[in-house]
Amino acid sequence: MDETIITETPPLRAAWALQGQQAAVPITGNRAKRILYGALNPKSGDLLVGESLRWDHVAVQRFFLAIRTHWRGWHIVLFLDKGSPHTAGDSRQCAHELRFELRWLPTACPELNPTEPLWRYATQTVLANVPPRPVQESLGAATEALGSLAPHERLVKAGVLSGRFWLQGVIGNGHMS
């Protein structure tokens, strides 16, 4: 489980300009943002995503409930960073009540979270280098792109099927058993 910030001004990865002239960089001046969050099942490639104006312990708890509803009856282990919304007492209590096991990723190790490459795909491939648009449109484009990936494609992009994935021994070959 992880989250990323989607802004109205997309990432600019490349721009063309005549030699000797400054490239024009479109800036709206609007600082609108939305939080895109999700949980990836590293066995099936199933991805559950949601959005929020803020990422706080209340949003985390709402997402915990969505996870429990989506994967009803499953034994759920969530790997999380140590961000304050995740470690808040209310969030931990909610996870306990929903019978989740929480596992904390080491600080400053985003490469261990398989959702990070999915966010990178959404922001650097889908949203980068396009004219600024309302943040809700960018959020919709990112969500649609992630949702349109086949489960196997998600696992490939997330690095789960690379053979070097750190949970490989726990999940097997990345397919449901």
Protein backbone atom coordinates (compact mmCIF):
# COMPACT_ATOMS: atom_id res chain seq x y z
CA MET A 1 0.00 0.00 0.00
CA ASP A 2 1.26 3.45 -0.88
CA GLU A 3 0.23 6.86 -2.14
CA THR A 4 1.42 9.55 -4.53
CA ILE A 5 0.56 13.18 -5.17
CA ILE A 6 -1.01 14.20 -8.48
CA THR A 7 -0.72 17.92 -9.28
CA GLU A 8 -2.31 20.13 -11.88
CA THR A 9 1.06 20.94 -13.41
CA PRO A 10 2.40 17.69 -14.85
CA PRO A 11 6.04 16.67 -14.62
CA LEU A 12 8.07 18.08 -17.49
CA ARG A 13 10.58 15.46 -18.61
CA ALA A 14 11.48 16.91 -22.01
CA ALA A 15 10.89 20.09 -23.99
CA TRP A 16 11.94 21.42 -27.37
CA ALA A 17 13.18 24.91 -28.08
CA LEU A 18 15.12 26.56 -30.85
CA GLN A 19 18.83 26.56 -30.21
CA GLY A 20 19.79 29.61 -28.17
CA GLN A 21 16.21 30.30 -27.04
CA GLN A 22 14.62 29.60 -23.68
CA ALA A 23 12.07 26.79 -23.71
CA ALA A 24 8.57 27.85 -22.69
CA VAL A 25 7.40 25.95 -19.64
CA PRO A 26 3.64 26.11 -19.03
CA ILE A 27 2.74 26.94 -15.45
CA THR A 28 -0.83 27.54 -14.35
CA GLY A 29 -0.04 29.02 -10.96
CA ASN A 30 -2.64 26.68 -9.51
CA ARG A 31 -1.34 24.44 -6.74
CA ALA A 32 -4.24 21.99 -6.80
CA LYS A 33 -3.33 18.46 -5.85
CA ARG A 34 -4.97 15.14 -5.13
CA ILE A 35 -3.68 12.04 -3.43
CA LEU A 36 -3.82 8.82 -5.42
CA TYR A 37 -3.41 5.78 -3.20
CA GLY A 38 -3.49 2.09 -3.83
CA ALA A 39 -2.80 -1.44 -2.72
CA LEU A 40 -1.38 -4.10 -5.02
CA ASN A 41 -1.84 -7.82 -4.56
CA PRO A 42 1.62 -9.17 -5.47
CA LYS A 43 0.21 -12.61 -6.29
CA SER A 44 -2.66 -11.71 -8.59
CA GLY A 45 -1.78 -8.20 -9.84
CA ASP A 46 -5.13 -6.93 -8.62
CA LEU A 47 -4.88 -3.21 -7.82
CA LEU A 48 -7.27 -1.25 -5.65
CA VAL A 49 -6.95 2.53 -5.95
CA GLY A 50 -8.64 5.52 -4.39
CA GLU A 51 -8.29 9.26 -4.20
CA SER A 52 -8.44 11.91 -1.54
CA LEU A 53 -7.93 15.63 -1.07
CA ARG A 54 -5.71 14.88 1.93
CA TRP A 55 -3.67 11.91 3.11
CA ASP A 56 -4.19 11.65 6.84
CA HIS A 57 -5.13 8.95 9.32
CA VAL A 58 -8.83 9.32 8.41
CA ALA A 59 -8.12 8.67 4.71
CA VAL A 60 -5.90 5.71 5.64
CA GLN A 61 -8.67 4.19 7.73
CA ARG A 62 -11.20 4.68 4.93
CA PHE A 63 -8.82 2.90 2.58
CA PHE A 64 -8.31 0.09 5.09
CA LEU A 65 -12.08 -0.45 5.04
CA ALA A 66 -12.07 -0.44 1.23
CA ILE A 67 -9.27 -3.02 1.22
CA ARG A 68 -11.18 -5.27 3.62
CA THR A 69 -14.32 -4.94 1.49
CA HIS A 70 -12.44 -5.64 -1.75
CA TRP A 71 -10.47 -8.61 -0.42
CA ARG A 72 -13.15 -9.90 1.95
CA GLY A 73 -12.15 -13.03 3.84
CA TRP A 74 -8.47 -12.83 2.86
CA HIS A 75 -5.56 -12.86 5.26
CA ILE A 76 -4.13 -9.40 4.53
CA VAL A 77 -0.59 -8.28 5.22
CA LEU A 78 0.08 -4.65 4.33
CA PHE A 79 3.59 -3.38 3.76
CA LEU A 80 3.69 0.31 4.59
CA ASP A 81 6.18 3.12 4.93
CA LYS A 82 6.40 4.77 8.33
CA GLY A 83 4.47 7.88 7.33
CA SER A 84 2.48 9.44 10.17
CA PRO A 85 -0.96 8.62 8.64
CA HIS A 86 0.05 4.94 8.63
CA THR A 87 1.61 4.84 12.09
CA ALA A 88 -1.12 6.89 13.82
CA GLY A 89 -2.68 5.06 16.75
CA ASP A 90 -6.15 5.24 15.18
CA SER A 91 -4.83 3.73 11.94
CA ARG A 92 -3.10 0.90 13.79
CA GLN A 93 -6.25 0.24 15.83
CA CYS A 94 -8.38 0.16 12.67
CA ALA A 95 -5.94 -2.30 11.05
CA HIS A 96 -6.09 -4.49 14.15
CA GLU A 97 -9.90 -4.48 14.14
CA LEU A 98 -9.91 -5.43 10.46
CA ARG A 99 -7.44 -8.25 11.21
CA PHE A 100 -4.64 -6.81 9.04
CA GLU A 101 -1.03 -7.53 9.72
CA LEU A 102 1.06 -4.40 9.27
CA ARG A 103 4.70 -4.68 8.22
CA TRP A 104 6.85 -1.56 8.22
CA LEU A 105 9.23 -0.95 5.34
CA PRO A 106 12.64 0.48 6.25
CA THR A 107 12.87 4.26 6.18
CA ALA A 108 13.93 5.78 2.85
CA CYS A 109 13.53 2.52 0.89
CA PRO A 110 10.72 3.22 -1.61
CA GLU A 111 12.20 0.61 -3.95
CA LEU A 112 10.84 -2.08 -1.62
CA ASN A 113 7.26 -0.98 -2.21
CA PRO A 114 5.88 -2.52 -5.43
CA THR A 115 3.37 0.29 -5.89
CA GLU A 116 6.17 2.86 -6.37
CA PRO A 117 6.92 1.77 -9.96
CA LEU A 118 3.21 1.95 -10.74
CA TRP A 119 3.10 5.56 -9.53
CA ARG A 120 6.23 6.27 -11.56
CA TYR A 121 4.54 4.79 -14.65
CA ALA A 122 1.46 6.96 -14.08
CA THR A 123 3.33 10.19 -13.45
CA GLN A 124 6.30 9.85 -15.80
CA THR A 125 4.66 8.05 -18.71
CA VAL A 126 0.97 8.94 -18.62
CA LEU A 127 1.00 12.46 -17.15
CA ALA A 128 4.43 13.83 -18.10
CA ASN A 129 4.95 16.27 -20.95
CA VAL A 130 1.29 17.08 -21.51
CA PRO A 131 -0.27 20.53 -21.28
CA PRO A 132 -1.57 21.41 -17.82
CA ARG A 133 -5.13 20.30 -17.24
CA PRO A 134 -7.44 20.29 -14.22
CA VAL A 135 -6.06 18.05 -11.49
CA GLN A 136 -9.19 15.88 -11.57
CA GLU A 137 -8.51 15.11 -15.26
CA SER A 138 -4.91 14.16 -14.47
CA LEU A 139 -6.09 11.96 -11.62
CA GLY A 140 -8.62 10.31 -13.94
CA ALA A 141 -5.97 9.71 -16.61
CA ALA A 142 -3.60 8.13 -14.08
CA THR A 143 -6.32 5.94 -12.58
CA GLU A 144 -7.55 4.87 -16.02
CA ALA A 145 -4.03 4.00 -17.18
CA LEU A 146 -3.36 1.89 -14.09
CA GLY A 147 -6.76 0.22 -14.34
CA SER A 148 -6.32 -0.59 -18.02
CA LEU A 149 -3.14 -2.56 -17.37
CA ALA A 150 -3.66 -6.31 -17.30
CA PRO A 151 -2.83 -7.82 -13.90
CA HIS A 152 0.29 -9.47 -15.36
CA GLU A 153 1.42 -6.10 -16.78
CA ARG A 154 1.03 -4.51 -13.34
CA LEU A 155 3.21 -7.21 -11.79
CA VAL A 156 5.86 -6.70 -14.47
CA LYS A 157 5.87 -2.90 -14.04
CA ALA A 158 5.95 -3.32 -10.25
CA GLY A 159 9.01 -5.58 -10.53
CA VAL A 160 7.26 -8.46 -8.77
CA LEU A 161 8.08 -10.91 -11.58
CA SER A 162 11.70 -9.81 -11.98
CA GLY A 163 13.20 -12.72 -10.05
CA ARG A 164 14.87 -10.18 -7.75
CA PHE A 165 11.70 -9.08 -5.97
CA TRP A 166 12.38 -9.16 -2.25
CA LEU A 167 9.19 -11.10 -1.39
CA GLN A 168 9.70 -13.68 -4.15
CA GLY A 169 10.09 -16.58 -1.74
CA VAL A 170 6.86 -15.65 0.04
CA ILE A 171 4.62 -15.17 -2.98
CA GLY A 172 6.12 -17.74 -5.32
CA ASN A 173 6.00 -16.98 -9.01
CA GLY A 174 3.57 -14.05 -8.70
CA HIS A 175 0.51 -16.07 -9.71
CA MET A 176 -2.35 -17.26 -7.60
CA SER A 177 -1.78 -20.71 -6.21
